[in-house]
Amino acid sequence: MDGAFIVKSAGSGSTDGLIFVRYGPKREMSERRSAGPNGYDLLRQRIRALYGPSPSQILNTRKPDFEAQGEHILEREVRRQLERAKL
């Protein structure tokens, strides 16, 4: 994803971090006045966290589909190699 990055310290104990994405144009100094040291927000670009299922959650829900498809591909390849070797 364009502009995305991982912040490892932002995740829970079961994740490797949260994914954040930069969006929009860089902010002018006048827009950055607010929180932070000396009343300034140091972020030059807007960022937001992307929440949703983790890659491991997606893999675990789709794993049976991948396993069935993988078995089919493996069987087909074994047959092809056996025919090629004329065994």
Protein backbone atom coordinates (compact mmCIF):
# COMPACT_ATOMS: atom_id res chain seq x y z
CA MET A 1 0.00 0.00 0.00
CA ASP A 2 1.39 3.35 -0.98
CA GLY A 3 2.31 5.46 2.06
CA ALA A 4 1.82 2.62 4.56
CA PHE A 5 4.19 1.72 7.37
CA ILE A 6 4.20 -0.45 10.52
CA VAL A 7 4.63 0.92 14.03
CA LYS A 8 5.77 -2.04 16.12
CA SER A 9 5.20 -0.32 19.47
CA ALA A 10 1.54 0.37 18.63
CA GLY A 11 0.38 -3.24 18.42
CA SER A 12 -1.04 -5.47 21.09
CA GLY A 13 0.96 -8.34 22.54
CA SER A 14 -0.36 -10.74 19.90
CA THR A 15 0.58 -8.59 16.88
CA ASP A 16 3.79 -7.25 15.44
CA GLY A 17 2.43 -3.70 15.32
CA LEU A 18 -0.24 -1.62 13.68
CA ILE A 19 -0.29 -0.54 10.06
CA PHE A 20 -0.57 3.20 9.50
CA VAL A 21 -1.04 5.02 6.22
CA ARG A 22 -0.16 8.58 5.25
CA TYR A 23 -2.84 10.45 3.37
CA GLY A 24 -3.46 13.90 1.98
CA PRO A 25 -1.00 16.68 1.28
CA LYS A 26 1.66 17.79 3.74
CA ARG A 27 0.28 20.19 6.32
CA GLU A 28 1.41 23.78 6.66
CA MET A 29 2.87 25.01 9.94
CA SER A 30 -0.35 26.89 10.71
CA GLU A 31 -2.29 23.60 10.55
CA ARG A 32 0.19 21.86 12.83
CA ARG A 33 -0.27 24.20 15.80
CA SER A 34 -1.94 22.26 18.61
CA ALA A 35 -0.70 19.44 20.82
CA GLY A 36 2.91 18.46 21.22
CA PRO A 37 6.00 20.17 22.57
CA ASN A 38 5.73 23.96 22.56
CA GLY A 39 2.20 23.73 21.17
CA TYR A 40 3.17 22.14 17.86
CA ASP A 41 2.05 18.88 16.30
CA LEU A 42 5.21 17.51 14.73
CA LEU A 43 3.46 15.41 12.09
CA ARG A 44 3.92 16.93 8.66
CA GLN A 45 1.46 14.54 7.06
CA ARG A 46 -1.85 13.20 8.24
CA ILE A 47 -1.74 9.54 9.26
CA ARG A 48 -4.37 7.03 10.33
CA ALA A 49 -4.25 3.51 11.69
CA LEU A 50 -5.74 0.72 9.62
CA TYR A 51 -7.77 -1.63 11.79
CA GLY A 52 -9.17 -4.93 10.67
CA PRO A 53 -8.34 -8.59 10.63
CA SER A 54 -4.66 -9.36 10.89
CA PRO A 55 -2.93 -11.32 8.12
CA SER A 56 -2.79 -14.37 10.41
CA GLN A 57 -6.55 -14.18 11.04
CA ILE A 58 -7.21 -14.02 7.30
CA LEU A 59 -4.84 -16.94 6.66
CA ASN A 60 -6.48 -19.08 9.36
CA THR A 61 -9.96 -18.50 7.92
CA ARG A 62 -8.83 -19.24 4.35
CA LYS A 63 -6.41 -22.06 5.24
CA PRO A 64 -8.81 -24.92 4.36
CA ASP A 65 -9.32 -23.41 0.89
CA PHE A 66 -5.57 -23.04 0.37
CA GLU A 67 -4.88 -26.58 1.61
CA ALA A 68 -7.45 -28.13 -0.75
CA GLN A 69 -6.14 -26.13 -3.68
CA GLY A 70 -2.54 -27.00 -2.77
CA GLU A 71 -3.32 -30.73 -2.60
CA HIS A 72 -4.91 -30.59 -6.04
CA ILE A 73 -1.89 -28.78 -7.52
CA LEU A 74 0.54 -31.21 -5.85
CA GLU A 75 -1.35 -34.29 -7.09
CA ARG A 76 -1.43 -32.92 -10.64
CA GLU A 77 2.31 -32.17 -10.55
CA VAL A 78 3.19 -35.62 -9.16
CA ARG A 79 1.15 -37.28 -11.95
CA ARG A 80 2.85 -35.08 -14.55
CA GLN A 81 6.33 -35.94 -13.23
CA LEU A 82 5.53 -39.68 -13.08
CA GLU A 83 4.24 -39.66 -16.67
CA ARG A 84 7.31 -37.71 -17.74
CA ALA A 85 9.59 -40.28 -16.08
CA LYS A 86 7.43 -43.12 -17.45
CA LEU A 87 7.18 -44.85 -14.07
